[in-house]
Amino acid sequence: MTLAGPYPPPPVENDSFIGQVGAFNGAFVSQNSGNNQALTFQDGVGNFAITNQNTAKSNTSDILQFGSGNFAVADQKGKTNDQSTLQVGTLNFASTLQRDGGDNNSTIGQFGFGNSAFADQSKGDNTQNTLQVGGLNFASTDQTDGKHGGNTSSTMQFGWGNGAIVGQDGGNNDQTTLQVGAGNFAATSQWGVIGPNGNSSYTAQFGWGNISFADQSGGNNSQDTFQAGGHNFAVTGQSSFFGVNKSATAQFGVGNTALTSQIANPLGSNNSLIVQAGYRNTAIASQSGVQSAFPFGGSNLQGTIQIGSGNYAITSQTSSSALTNTSVTAQFGYRNVAVTSQH
């Protein structure tokens, strides 16, 4: 007599495919826990790929290598993570780490010589896309704790020697970096969103020697930086607590420099716009926001537009009981200087 009873389900199979065309290519795949899929295809000479799906479920990994001396590593833990790596060229390096959580998505595409891309995703619901075309470009993306709203990162580099570093934590952070030229560097850090979700950053650089730093913390911050030309330099730092900080910086020409720092205290808001076109323009704006014990909101507004040559503008605003500071500076011409300070 046979008694019917509950039986453990059969283990779910893992799938792995390795295709190699050429010589001296190496591929290693390790899978555990079930329902993981790994695809590795190599066409060329001396390419190397490692895929590790350990203590993982329902993860998907695709690594495609065309050329010589390319190296790719994919390490997936958790579940329902997807990663795709495409390398075309020589001596490109790509590393994808999806440590825990679920619904992490990573795509890395490299075309050229000596490009490096790193992606580190944890705690789920993170999305990152990196595209590198050229040589000796560097990109690093770190995303953590996107389950509270979802982190999204897109980095595109065209040319030589571009560098991009992105860090996102807290959820609902969004970042886009596009660099075309040589020697451009962009670093974006968005951290610990508090209150209504939302840090957003956009950086686009065309030319050579452009550098852009953007640091946003608190929540509901937005930053836009656009640079086209030569030795442009832009730094934007925003810190808010339940408030709104917005900054936009656009620079056209040679030797432009823009620095913007905004702090908005509880329930405050800062707004800044700097536009420079010409030669040797410099604009520095610092806004602090609410600094009283009882106000429910505060506002600083600053706009600087400079077109010409040798322009220089400094704006510093701090608000207290009045809650509102407003400054507008517009310079057109030659060798202009403007200084504004409000308390």
Protein backbone atom coordinates (compact mmCIF):
# COMPACT_ATOMS: atom_id res chain seq x y z
CA MET A 1 0.00 0.00 0.00
CA THR A 2 1.27 3.41 -0.97
CA LEU A 3 0.38 6.49 1.04
CA ALA A 4 0.11 9.80 -0.78
CA GLY A 5 1.77 12.70 0.89
CA PRO A 6 3.58 15.99 0.21
CA TYR A 7 6.88 15.68 -1.55
CA PRO A 8 9.47 18.39 -2.09
CA PRO A 9 9.37 19.77 -5.61
CA PRO A 10 12.16 18.73 -7.93
CA PRO A 11 15.07 21.16 -8.04
CA VAL A 12 14.87 23.80 -10.73
CA GLU A 13 17.59 23.45 -13.30
CA ASN A 14 20.28 25.98 -14.06
CA ASP A 15 21.14 26.75 -17.69
CA SER A 16 24.59 27.64 -19.00
CA PHE A 17 25.94 28.01 -22.54
CA ILE A 18 29.53 28.73 -23.50
CA GLY A 19 30.56 29.38 -27.10
CA GLN A 20 34.16 30.07 -28.09
CA VAL A 21 35.63 30.99 -31.48
CA GLY A 22 39.35 31.71 -31.79
CA ALA A 23 42.24 30.84 -29.51
CA PHE A 24 43.23 31.02 -25.83
CA ASN A 25 39.80 32.14 -24.64
CA GLY A 26 38.74 31.20 -21.09
CA ALA A 27 35.27 31.02 -19.54
CA PHE A 28 34.15 29.85 -16.09
CA VAL A 29 30.56 29.49 -14.87
CA SER A 30 29.40 28.55 -11.35
CA GLN A 31 25.69 28.15 -10.61
CA ASN A 32 23.82 27.23 -7.43
CA SER A 33 20.22 27.22 -6.07
CA GLY A 34 18.42 26.87 -9.40
CA ASN A 35 16.68 28.63 -12.28
CA ASN A 36 19.74 30.71 -13.16
CA GLN A 37 20.76 31.35 -16.75
CA ALA A 38 24.24 32.16 -18.02
CA LEU A 39 25.37 32.84 -21.59
CA THR A 40 29.02 33.35 -22.52
CA PHE A 41 30.25 33.84 -26.09
CA GLN A 42 33.82 34.69 -27.04
CA ASP A 43 35.19 35.41 -30.51
CA GLY A 44 38.86 36.33 -30.71
CA VAL A 45 42.06 35.69 -28.82
CA GLY A 46 42.80 35.71 -25.11
CA ASN A 47 39.39 36.78 -23.82
CA PHE A 48 38.39 35.76 -20.27
CA ALA A 49 34.97 35.64 -18.62
CA ILE A 50 33.76 34.59 -15.16
CA THR A 51 30.12 34.13 -14.18
CA ASN A 52 29.18 33.28 -10.59
CA GLN A 53 25.54 32.68 -9.68
CA ASN A 54 25.76 31.41 -6.13
CA THR A 55 23.01 31.35 -3.47
CA ALA A 56 20.96 32.90 -6.25
CA LYS A 57 17.63 32.25 -7.94
CA SER A 58 16.21 33.31 -11.29
CA ASN A 59 19.24 35.40 -12.25
CA THR A 60 20.28 36.03 -15.85
CA SER A 61 23.78 36.80 -17.08
CA ASP A 62 25.00 37.44 -20.64
CA ILE A 63 28.64 38.06 -21.51
CA LEU A 64 29.69 38.64 -25.13
CA GLN A 65 33.32 39.31 -26.03
CA PHE A 66 34.71 40.15 -29.47
CA GLY A 67 38.40 40.95 -29.89
CA SER A 68 41.41 40.19 -27.76
CA GLY A 69 42.40 40.44 -24.11
CA ASN A 70 38.97 41.45 -22.83
CA PHE A 71 38.03 40.56 -19.24
CA ALA A 72 34.53 40.36 -17.76
CA VAL A 73 33.29 39.28 -14.32
CA ALA A 74 29.65 38.84 -13.26
CA ASP A 75 28.77 37.92 -9.67
CA GLN A 76 25.08 37.55 -8.88
CA LYS A 77 23.43 36.82 -5.54
CA GLY A 78 19.81 37.19 -4.55
CA LYS A 79 17.10 36.70 -7.15
CA THR A 80 15.67 38.09 -10.40
CA ASN A 81 18.85 40.04 -11.19
CA ASP A 82 19.84 40.68 -14.81
CA GLN A 83 23.24 41.63 -16.17
CA SER A 84 24.52 42.03 -19.73
CA THR A 85 28.11 42.77 -20.76
CA LEU A 86 29.26 43.39 -24.35
CA GLN A 87 32.92 43.98 -25.12
CA VAL A 88 34.23 44.75 -28.60
CA GLY A 89 37.90 45.64 -28.94
CA THR A 90 41.03 45.04 -26.93
CA LEU A 91 41.91 44.99 -23.23
CA ASN A 92 38.53 46.15 -21.99
CA PHE A 93 37.54 45.35 -18.39
CA ALA A 94 34.03 45.01 -16.96
CA SER A 95 32.93 43.97 -13.47
CA THR A 96 29.31 43.56 -12.36
CA LEU A 97 28.41 42.75 -8.75
CA GLN A 98 24.79 42.21 -7.77
CA ARG A 99 25.11 41.33 -4.13
CA ASP A 100 21.65 40.90 -2.64
CA GLY A 101 18.02 41.81 -3.06
CA GLY A 102 16.14 41.46 -6.33
CA ASP A 103 15.34 43.22 -9.57
CA ASN A 104 18.80 44.67 -10.09
CA ASN A 105 19.57 45.40 -13.76
CA SER A 106 22.98 46.17 -15.22
CA THR A 107 24.10 46.71 -18.82
CA ILE A 108 27.69 47.45 -19.84
CA GLY A 109 28.77 48.04 -23.43
CA GLN A 110 32.41 48.68 -24.29
CA PHE A 111 33.79 49.46 -27.74
CA GLY A 112 37.47 50.31 -28.12
CA PHE A 113 40.65 49.92 -26.16
CA GLY A 114 41.44 49.77 -22.44
CA ASN A 115 38.03 50.83 -21.16
CA SER A 116 37.04 49.97 -17.55
CA ALA A 117 33.55 49.72 -16.12
CA PHE A 118 32.46 48.75 -12.59
CA ALA A 119 28.87 48.22 -11.42
CA ASP A 120 27.94 47.41 -7.82
CA GLN A 121 24.25 46.93 -7.00
CA SER A 122 22.68 45.87 -3.70
CA LYS A 123 19.30 45.68 -1.91
CA GLY A 124 17.27 45.58 -5.09
CA ASP A 125 15.43 47.65 -7.68
CA ASN A 126 18.55 49.29 -9.12
CA THR A 127 19.16 49.95 -12.81
CA GLN A 128 22.44 51.01 -14.38
CA ASN A 129 23.57 51.41 -17.99
CA THR A 130 27.15 52.14 -19.04
CA LEU A 131 28.31 52.73 -22.63
CA GLN A 132 31.96 53.38 -23.47
CA VAL A 133 33.21 54.11 -26.97
CA GLY A 134 36.89 54.98 -27.43
CA GLY A 135 39.86 54.28 -25.25
CA LEU A 136 41.00 54.44 -21.64
CA ASN A 137 37.59 55.50 -20.33
CA PHE A 138 36.63 54.75 -16.72
CA ALA A 139 33.16 54.38 -15.21
CA SER A 140 32.12 53.26 -11.73
CA THR A 141 28.50 52.96 -10.58
CA ASP A 142 27.44 52.10 -7.02
CA GLN A 143 23.74 51.69 -6.26
CA THR A 144 22.27 50.74 -2.89
CA ASP A 145 18.79 50.31 -1.44
CA GLY A 146 16.69 51.13 -4.47
CA LYS A 147 13.68 49.26 -3.07
CA HIS A 148 12.34 52.50 -1.59
CA GLY A 149 11.82 54.01 -5.02
CA GLY A 150 14.29 52.68 -7.55
CA ASN A 151 17.73 54.00 -8.51
CA THR A 152 18.53 54.65 -12.17
CA SER A 153 21.95 55.45 -13.63
CA SER A 154 23.07 56.00 -17.22
CA THR A 155 26.67 56.79 -18.16
CA MET A 156 27.87 57.32 -21.74
CA GLN A 157 31.46 58.10 -22.67
CA PHE A 158 32.80 58.83 -26.13
CA GLY A 159 36.48 59.58 -26.68
CA TRP A 160 39.62 59.07 -24.63
CA GLY A 161 40.41 59.25 -20.94
CA ASN A 162 36.94 60.12 -19.69
CA GLY A 163 36.12 59.30 -16.07
CA ALA A 164 32.74 58.98 -14.36
CA ILE A 165 31.96 57.96 -10.77
CA VAL A 166 28.36 57.60 -9.62
CA GLY A 167 27.04 56.71 -6.15
CA GLN A 168 23.34 56.38 -5.35
CA ASP A 169 21.69 55.40 -2.07
CA GLY A 170 18.17 55.62 -0.73
CA GLY A 171 15.96 55.03 -3.73
CA ASN A 172 14.39 57.09 -6.51
CA ASN A 173 17.74 58.64 -7.45
CA ASP A 174 18.27 59.39 -11.12
CA GLN A 175 21.54 60.25 -12.86
CA THR A 176 22.64 60.71 -16.47
CA THR A 177 26.20 61.50 -17.53
CA LEU A 178 27.28 62.03 -21.16
CA GLN A 179 30.88 62.87 -22.01
CA VAL A 180 32.31 63.43 -25.49
CA GLY A 181 35.95 64.43 -25.93
CA ALA A 182 39.15 63.86 -23.99
CA GLY A 183 40.03 64.13 -20.32
CA ASN A 184 36.52 64.83 -19.08
CA PHE A 185 35.68 63.87 -15.49
CA ALA A 186 32.30 63.75 -13.79
CA ALA A 187 31.47 62.60 -10.25
CA THR A 188 27.87 62.40 -9.04
CA SER A 189 26.88 61.36 -5.51
CA GLN A 190 23.23 61.18 -4.46
CA TRP A 191 22.60 59.92 -0.97
CA GLY A 192 20.04 59.06 1.71
CA VAL A 193 16.82 60.52 0.41
CA ILE A 194 14.61 61.85 3.21
CA GLY A 195 10.97 62.80 2.88
CA PRO A 196 9.53 62.73 -0.64
CA ASN A 197 11.86 60.66 -2.78
CA GLY A 198 13.90 62.25 -5.48
CA ASN A 199 17.45 63.21 -6.30
CA SER A 200 18.06 63.92 -9.97
CA SER A 201 21.29 64.77 -11.74
CA TYR A 202 22.20 65.44 -15.37
CA THR A 203 25.75 66.16 -16.56
CA ALA A 204 26.78 66.57 -20.21
CA GLN A 205 30.29 67.57 -21.26
CA PHE A 206 31.60 68.19 -24.77
CA GLY A 207 35.23 69.13 -25.48
CA TRP A 208 38.36 68.67 -23.40
CA GLY A 209 39.44 69.11 -19.81
CA ASN A 210 35.91 69.53 -18.45
CA ILE A 211 35.32 68.62 -14.79
CA SER A 212 31.97 68.45 -13.04
CA PHE A 213 31.17 67.45 -9.43
CA ALA A 214 27.60 67.18 -8.17
CA ASP A 215 26.72 66.12 -4.62
CA GLN A 216 23.10 65.95 -3.49
CA SER A 217 21.85 64.80 -0.08
CA GLY A 218 18.53 64.93 1.72
CA GLY A 219 15.98 64.60 -1.00
CA ASN A 220 14.05 66.40 -3.70
CA ASN A 221 17.25 67.90 -5.15
CA SER A 222 17.79 68.51 -8.85
CA GLN A 223 20.97 69.49 -10.70
CA ASP A 224 21.76 70.13 -14.38
CA THR A 225 25.26 70.85 -15.69
CA PHE A 226 26.13 71.34 -19.36
CA GLN A 227 29.65 72.24 -20.50
CA ALA A 228 30.90 72.66 -24.06
CA GLY A 229 34.37 73.90 -24.96
CA GLY A 230 37.70 73.78 -23.18
CA HIS A 231 38.81 74.15 -19.56
CA ASN A 232 35.36 74.29 -17.96
CA PHE A 233 34.88 73.51 -14.27
CA ALA A 234 31.56 73.18 -12.41
CA VAL A 235 30.88 72.09 -8.82
CA THR A 236 27.34 71.83 -7.44
CA GLY A 237 26.62 70.81 -3.83
CA GLN A 238 23.05 70.70 -2.55
CA SER A 239 21.84 69.62 0.90
CA SER A 240 18.17 69.77 1.85
CA PHE A 241 15.86 68.56 4.58
CA PHE A 242 12.27 68.23 3.33
CA GLY A 243 13.07 71.09 0.96
CA VAL A 244 13.73 71.71 -2.71
CA ASN A 245 17.13 72.62 -4.13
CA LYS A 246 17.48 73.17 -7.87
CA SER A 247 20.60 74.15 -9.75
CA ALA A 248 21.35 74.57 -13.47
CA THR A 249 24.80 75.42 -14.84
CA ALA A 250 25.59 75.89 -18.54
CA GLN A 251 29.02 76.95 -19.75
CA PHE A 252 30.14 77.62 -23.33
CA GLY A 253 33.68 78.62 -24.28
CA VAL A 254 37.10 78.39 -22.66
CA GLY A 255 38.17 78.67 -19.03
CA ASN A 256 34.72 78.97 -17.47
CA THR A 257 34.28 78.20 -13.75
CA ALA A 258 31.02 77.89 -11.81
CA LEU A 259 30.59 76.91 -8.15
CA THR A 260 27.13 76.51 -6.58
CA SER A 261 26.41 75.43 -3.00
CA GLN A 262 22.88 75.38 -1.59
CA ILE A 263 21.70 74.39 1.90
CA ALA A 264 18.02 74.68 2.74
CA ASN A 265 17.50 73.80 6.44
CA PRO A 266 14.11 72.32 7.46
CA LEU A 267 11.38 72.95 4.91
CA GLY A 268 13.45 75.41 2.90
CA SER A 269 14.13 75.79 -0.80
CA ASN A 270 16.98 77.25 -2.88
CA ASN A 271 17.05 78.00 -6.59
CA SER A 272 20.13 78.78 -8.69
CA LEU A 273 20.88 79.36 -12.38
CA ILE A 274 24.31 80.17 -13.87
CA VAL A 275 24.85 80.59 -17.62
CA GLN A 276 28.25 81.57 -19.01
CA ALA A 277 29.27 82.03 -22.64
CA GLY A 278 32.61 83.45 -23.71
CA TYR A 279 36.08 83.53 -22.25
CA ARG A 280 37.40 83.38 -18.66
CA ASN A 281 34.01 83.65 -16.99
CA THR A 282 33.70 82.88 -13.28
CA ALA A 283 30.50 82.68 -11.22
CA ILE A 284 30.25 81.61 -7.57
CA ALA A 285 26.87 81.39 -5.81
CA SER A 286 26.20 80.23 -2.23
CA GLN A 287 22.71 80.10 -0.72
CA SER A 288 21.95 78.91 2.80
CA GLY A 289 18.17 79.10 3.35
CA VAL A 290 16.10 79.02 6.53
CA GLN A 291 18.07 79.67 9.70
CA SER A 292 15.34 80.59 12.16
CA ALA A 293 13.79 78.35 14.81
CA PHE A 294 10.17 78.62 13.63
CA PRO A 295 9.81 79.33 9.90
CA PHE A 296 8.02 76.72 7.82
CA GLY A 297 9.76 77.48 4.57
CA GLY A 298 12.36 79.69 3.05
CA SER A 299 13.47 80.72 -0.37
CA ASN A 300 16.67 81.94 -1.98
CA LEU A 301 16.68 82.69 -5.70
CA GLN A 302 19.80 83.51 -7.70
CA GLY A 303 20.41 83.89 -11.43
CA THR A 304 23.67 84.82 -13.12
CA ILE A 305 24.11 85.22 -16.89
CA GLN A 306 27.47 86.23 -18.32
CA ILE A 307 28.25 86.62 -22.01
CA GLY A 308 31.55 88.07 -23.16
CA SER A 309 35.09 88.06 -21.83
CA GLY A 310 36.66 88.32 -18.37
CA ASN A 311 33.36 88.35 -16.44
CA TYR A 312 33.35 87.68 -12.69
CA ALA A 313 30.33 87.37 -10.38
CA ILE A 314 29.95 86.27 -6.75
CA THR A 315 26.57 85.88 -5.02
CA SER A 316 26.03 84.85 -1.38
CA GLN A 317 22.58 84.74 0.21
CA THR A 318 21.46 83.70 3.70
CA SER A 319 17.85 83.93 4.86
CA SER A 320 16.42 84.30 8.34
CA SER A 321 13.09 85.68 9.51
CA ALA A 322 12.33 87.35 6.18
CA LEU A 323 12.72 83.97 4.46
CA THR A 324 13.36 85.42 1.02
CA ASN A 325 16.52 86.58 -0.75
CA THR A 326 16.57 87.28 -4.48
CA SER A 327 19.53 88.14 -6.67
CA VAL A 328 19.82 88.58 -10.45
CA THR A 329 23.12 89.38 -12.16
CA ALA A 330 23.43 89.81 -15.94
CA GLN A 331 26.64 90.91 -17.60
CA PHE A 332 27.18 91.47 -21.31
CA GLY A 333 30.42 92.86 -22.62
CA TYR A 334 34.02 92.96 -21.52
CA ARG A 335 35.78 92.77 -18.13
CA ASN A 336 32.64 92.92 -15.99
CA VAL A 337 32.71 92.38 -12.19
CA ALA A 338 29.71 91.93 -9.90
CA VAL A 339 29.57 91.08 -6.17
CA THR A 340 26.31 90.57 -4.24
CA SER A 341 25.88 89.59 -0.57
CA GLN A 342 22.53 89.36 1.22
CA HIS A 343 21.78 88.24 4.78
